[in-house]
Amino acid sequence: MYGKKILLCSALSLSLLTVGVPSFASTGHVETQSVAIQSDASTQELVDDYVYSRENKFANSFTRNGITWYLKDIKYSNGWYIGHYQANI
């Protein structure tokens, strides 16, 4: 009785081990890829620029000298609208 139980438990453990091995092997590969992506993005720097206008009309984005600037915020101060733009350089 005990011999059959031990044999059955051993067989189940072995089958679970062989099924789980491919998933453990693939997780390390996925983590390596995500680290590489993060290191590429961290080489860029966010730079701010401000555009002043009497009217509250600002483009969502514009390109100047090959750099694309994106609108982040608009504030009003002393009769001027101030558009806050950011770019990755």
N, C-alpha and C. Protein backbone atom coordinates (compact mmCIF):
# COMPACT_ATOMS: atom_id res chain seq x y z
N MET A 1 0.81 -1.19 0.00
CA MET A 1 0.00 0.00 0.00
C MET A 1 0.86 1.26 0.00
N TYR A 2 1.83 1.30 0.92
CA TYR A 2 2.69 2.48 1.00
C TYR A 2 3.60 2.60 -0.21
N GLY A 3 4.01 1.49 -0.76
CA GLY A 3 4.88 1.50 -1.94
C GLY A 3 4.18 2.12 -3.14
N LYS A 4 2.88 1.79 -3.35
CA LYS A 4 2.12 2.36 -4.46
C LYS A 4 1.93 3.87 -4.27
N LYS A 5 1.68 4.26 -3.02
CA LYS A 5 1.47 5.67 -2.72
C LYS A 5 2.74 6.49 -2.98
N ILE A 6 3.89 5.96 -2.57
CA ILE A 6 5.16 6.64 -2.79
C ILE A 6 5.47 6.72 -4.27
N LEU A 7 5.22 5.63 -4.99
CA LEU A 7 5.48 5.61 -6.43
C LEU A 7 4.58 6.61 -7.16
N LEU A 8 3.31 6.68 -6.77
CA LEU A 8 2.37 7.61 -7.40
C LEU A 8 2.77 9.06 -7.12
N CYS A 9 3.13 9.38 -5.89
CA CYS A 9 3.55 10.74 -5.53
C CYS A 9 4.83 11.13 -6.25
N SER A 10 5.75 10.21 -6.39
CA SER A 10 7.00 10.49 -7.10
C SER A 10 6.73 10.79 -8.57
N ALA A 11 5.85 10.01 -9.18
CA ALA A 11 5.51 10.22 -10.58
C ALA A 11 4.83 11.58 -10.78
N LEU A 12 3.93 11.95 -9.89
CA LEU A 12 3.26 13.25 -9.99
C LEU A 12 4.25 14.40 -9.80
N SER A 13 5.16 14.27 -8.86
CA SER A 13 6.16 15.31 -8.62
C SER A 13 7.05 15.49 -9.84
N LEU A 14 7.46 14.40 -10.44
CA LEU A 14 8.32 14.46 -11.61
C LEU A 14 7.60 15.11 -12.78
N SER A 15 6.31 14.79 -12.96
CA SER A 15 5.56 15.38 -14.07
C SER A 15 5.37 16.88 -13.84
N LEU A 16 5.14 17.32 -12.61
CA LEU A 16 5.01 18.75 -12.32
C LEU A 16 6.33 19.48 -12.55
N LEU A 17 7.43 18.84 -12.22
CA LEU A 17 8.74 19.44 -12.40
C LEU A 17 9.05 19.64 -13.88
N THR A 18 8.75 18.65 -14.71
CA THR A 18 9.05 18.77 -16.13
C THR A 18 8.12 19.76 -16.82
N VAL A 19 6.89 19.92 -16.34
CA VAL A 19 5.96 20.88 -16.93
C VAL A 19 6.37 22.30 -16.54
N GLY A 20 6.87 22.50 -15.32
CA GLY A 20 7.22 23.83 -14.85
C GLY A 20 8.55 24.35 -15.35
N VAL A 21 9.45 23.51 -15.81
CA VAL A 21 10.78 23.93 -16.23
C VAL A 21 10.74 24.91 -17.40
N PRO A 22 9.97 24.70 -18.47
CA PRO A 22 9.97 25.68 -19.56
C PRO A 22 9.49 27.07 -19.13
N SER A 23 8.54 27.13 -18.21
CA SER A 23 8.07 28.45 -17.78
C SER A 23 9.14 29.17 -16.98
N PHE A 24 9.93 28.46 -16.19
CA PHE A 24 11.01 29.11 -15.45
C PHE A 24 12.09 29.59 -16.41
N ALA A 25 12.35 28.83 -17.42
CA ALA A 25 13.40 29.21 -18.38
C ALA A 25 12.99 30.44 -19.17
N SER A 26 11.72 30.60 -19.51
CA SER A 26 11.30 31.73 -20.31
C SER A 26 11.20 33.02 -19.49
N THR A 27 10.98 32.91 -18.17
CA THR A 27 10.85 34.14 -17.38
C THR A 27 12.14 34.92 -17.33
N GLY A 28 13.27 34.30 -17.24
CA GLY A 28 14.53 35.02 -17.21
C GLY A 28 14.78 35.76 -18.50
N HIS A 29 14.37 35.20 -19.60
CA HIS A 29 14.56 35.84 -20.90
C HIS A 29 13.70 37.10 -21.02
N VAL A 30 12.47 37.05 -20.52
CA VAL A 30 11.58 38.20 -20.59
C VAL A 30 12.12 39.35 -19.74
N GLU A 31 12.63 39.04 -18.56
CA GLU A 31 13.16 40.09 -17.69
C GLU A 31 14.38 40.74 -18.33
N THR A 32 15.20 39.99 -19.01
CA THR A 32 16.37 40.55 -19.66
C THR A 32 15.95 41.53 -20.75
N GLN A 33 14.90 41.20 -21.50
CA GLN A 33 14.44 42.10 -22.55
C GLN A 33 13.90 43.40 -21.96
N SER A 34 13.15 43.34 -20.87
CA SER A 34 12.58 44.56 -20.31
C SER A 34 13.67 45.47 -19.75
N VAL A 35 14.73 44.91 -19.20
CA VAL A 35 15.83 45.73 -18.70
C VAL A 35 16.51 46.45 -19.85
N ALA A 36 16.67 45.79 -20.99
CA ALA A 36 17.30 46.41 -22.15
C ALA A 36 16.46 47.58 -22.66
N ILE A 37 15.15 47.44 -22.65
CA ILE A 37 14.27 48.50 -23.11
C ILE A 37 14.37 49.70 -22.16
N GLN A 38 14.41 49.45 -20.87
CA GLN A 38 14.51 50.54 -19.91
C GLN A 38 15.82 51.30 -20.06
N SER A 39 16.91 50.60 -20.31
CA SER A 39 18.19 51.28 -20.42
C SER A 39 18.25 52.15 -21.67
N ASP A 40 17.56 51.76 -22.76
CA ASP A 40 17.53 52.60 -23.95
C ASP A 40 16.76 53.90 -23.68
N ALA A 41 15.65 53.82 -22.98
CA ALA A 41 14.84 55.00 -22.70
C ALA A 41 15.51 55.94 -21.70
N SER A 42 16.32 55.40 -20.82
CA SER A 42 16.93 56.23 -19.78
C SER A 42 18.04 57.12 -20.33
N THR A 43 18.48 56.91 -21.57
CA THR A 43 19.53 57.75 -22.13
C THR A 43 18.97 59.09 -22.62
N GLN A 44 17.65 59.21 -22.73
CA GLN A 44 17.05 60.45 -23.18
C GLN A 44 16.74 61.35 -21.98
N GLU A 45 16.70 62.66 -22.25
CA GLU A 45 16.46 63.63 -21.20
C GLU A 45 15.24 64.46 -21.58
N LEU A 46 14.36 64.76 -20.61
CA LEU A 46 13.22 65.63 -20.84
C LEU A 46 13.68 67.08 -20.72
N VAL A 47 13.33 67.89 -21.72
CA VAL A 47 13.71 69.30 -21.73
C VAL A 47 12.43 70.13 -21.83
N ASP A 48 12.35 71.23 -21.08
CA ASP A 48 11.18 72.09 -21.05
C ASP A 48 11.39 73.32 -21.93
N ASP A 49 10.29 73.83 -22.52
CA ASP A 49 10.30 75.07 -23.28
C ASP A 49 8.96 75.75 -23.03
N TYR A 50 8.95 77.08 -23.05
CA TYR A 50 7.73 77.84 -22.79
C TYR A 50 7.46 78.77 -23.95
N VAL A 51 6.19 78.79 -24.40
CA VAL A 51 5.77 79.65 -25.51
C VAL A 51 4.72 80.61 -24.96
N TYR A 52 4.91 81.92 -25.21
CA TYR A 52 4.01 82.96 -24.71
C TYR A 52 3.10 83.43 -25.84
N SER A 53 1.81 83.64 -25.52
CA SER A 53 0.85 84.08 -26.52
C SER A 53 -0.25 84.89 -25.84
N ARG A 54 -0.81 85.87 -26.57
CA ARG A 54 -1.94 86.66 -26.04
C ARG A 54 -3.25 85.88 -26.19
N GLU A 55 -3.30 84.89 -27.08
CA GLU A 55 -4.49 84.08 -27.28
C GLU A 55 -4.25 82.67 -26.75
N ASN A 56 -5.33 82.05 -26.33
CA ASN A 56 -5.24 80.69 -25.78
C ASN A 56 -5.33 79.67 -26.92
N LYS A 57 -4.40 79.74 -27.85
CA LYS A 57 -4.35 78.81 -28.99
C LYS A 57 -2.94 78.24 -29.07
N PHE A 58 -2.80 76.96 -28.78
CA PHE A 58 -1.50 76.29 -28.80
C PHE A 58 -1.64 74.96 -29.55
N ALA A 59 -0.62 74.63 -30.31
CA ALA A 59 -0.60 73.34 -31.01
C ALA A 59 -0.30 72.24 -30.00
N ASN A 60 -0.86 71.04 -30.22
CA ASN A 60 -0.56 69.90 -29.34
C ASN A 60 0.91 69.51 -29.43
N SER A 61 1.50 69.69 -30.61
CA SER A 61 2.92 69.40 -30.79
C SER A 61 3.44 70.20 -31.97
N PHE A 62 4.74 70.44 -32.00
CA PHE A 62 5.39 71.08 -33.15
C PHE A 62 6.83 70.61 -33.21
N THR A 63 7.44 70.75 -34.38
CA THR A 63 8.82 70.31 -34.58
C THR A 63 9.69 71.53 -34.90
N ARG A 64 10.79 71.66 -34.17
CA ARG A 64 11.74 72.74 -34.39
C ARG A 64 13.15 72.17 -34.31
N ASN A 65 13.94 72.38 -35.35
CA ASN A 65 15.32 71.88 -35.43
C ASN A 65 15.38 70.35 -35.28
N GLY A 66 14.38 69.66 -35.81
CA GLY A 66 14.37 68.20 -35.76
C GLY A 66 13.90 67.61 -34.44
N ILE A 67 13.48 68.46 -33.50
CA ILE A 67 13.02 68.01 -32.18
C ILE A 67 11.52 68.26 -32.10
N THR A 68 10.76 67.24 -31.72
CA THR A 68 9.32 67.37 -31.57
C THR A 68 8.99 67.73 -30.13
N TRP A 69 8.26 68.83 -29.97
CA TRP A 69 7.86 69.34 -28.66
C TRP A 69 6.38 69.04 -28.45
N TYR A 70 6.00 68.59 -27.23
CA TYR A 70 4.62 68.22 -26.90
C TYR A 70 4.08 69.12 -25.80
N LEU A 71 2.85 69.60 -25.99
CA LEU A 71 2.20 70.49 -25.03
C LEU A 71 1.84 69.72 -23.76
N LYS A 72 2.26 70.25 -22.61
CA LYS A 72 1.98 69.60 -21.33
C LYS A 72 1.00 70.39 -20.48
N ASP A 73 1.02 71.74 -20.59
CA ASP A 73 0.20 72.55 -19.71
C ASP A 73 0.07 73.96 -20.29
N ILE A 74 -1.02 74.65 -19.93
CA ILE A 74 -1.21 76.05 -20.30
C ILE A 74 -1.58 76.82 -19.03
N LYS A 75 -0.90 77.93 -18.80
CA LYS A 75 -1.20 78.78 -17.65
C LYS A 75 -1.43 80.21 -18.14
N TYR A 76 -2.15 81.00 -17.33
CA TYR A 76 -2.41 82.39 -17.65
C TYR A 76 -1.79 83.26 -16.58
N SER A 77 -1.00 84.27 -17.01
CA SER A 77 -0.34 85.15 -16.05
C SER A 77 -0.10 86.52 -16.68
N ASN A 78 -0.59 87.57 -16.02
CA ASN A 78 -0.36 88.96 -16.44
C ASN A 78 -0.73 89.22 -17.91
N GLY A 79 -1.86 88.70 -18.35
CA GLY A 79 -2.32 88.94 -19.70
C GLY A 79 -1.70 88.03 -20.76
N TRP A 80 -0.88 87.08 -20.36
CA TRP A 80 -0.23 86.16 -21.29
C TRP A 80 -0.63 84.72 -20.99
N TYR A 81 -0.87 83.97 -22.05
CA TYR A 81 -1.02 82.53 -21.93
C TYR A 81 0.36 81.91 -22.13
N ILE A 82 0.71 81.00 -21.26
CA ILE A 82 2.05 80.37 -21.32
C ILE A 82 1.87 78.89 -21.58
N GLY A 83 2.34 78.45 -22.74
CA GLY A 83 2.28 77.04 -23.09
C GLY A 83 3.56 76.34 -22.65
N HIS A 84 3.40 75.30 -21.86
CA HIS A 84 4.56 74.52 -21.36
C HIS A 84 4.73 73.31 -22.27
N TYR A 85 5.85 73.22 -22.96
CA TYR A 85 6.15 72.13 -23.87
C TYR A 85 7.33 71.31 -23.34
N GLN A 86 7.34 70.01 -23.66
CA GLN A 86 8.45 69.12 -23.30
C GLN A 86 8.86 68.30 -24.52
N ALA A 87 10.16 67.95 -24.53
CA ALA A 87 10.70 67.11 -25.61
C ALA A 87 11.71 66.14 -25.03
N ASN A 88 11.87 64.98 -25.66
CA ASN A 88 12.91 64.02 -25.29
C ASN A 88 14.13 64.28 -26.15
N ILE A 89 15.24 64.53 -25.51
CA ILE A 89 16.48 64.80 -26.25
C ILE A 89 17.53 63.79 -25.82
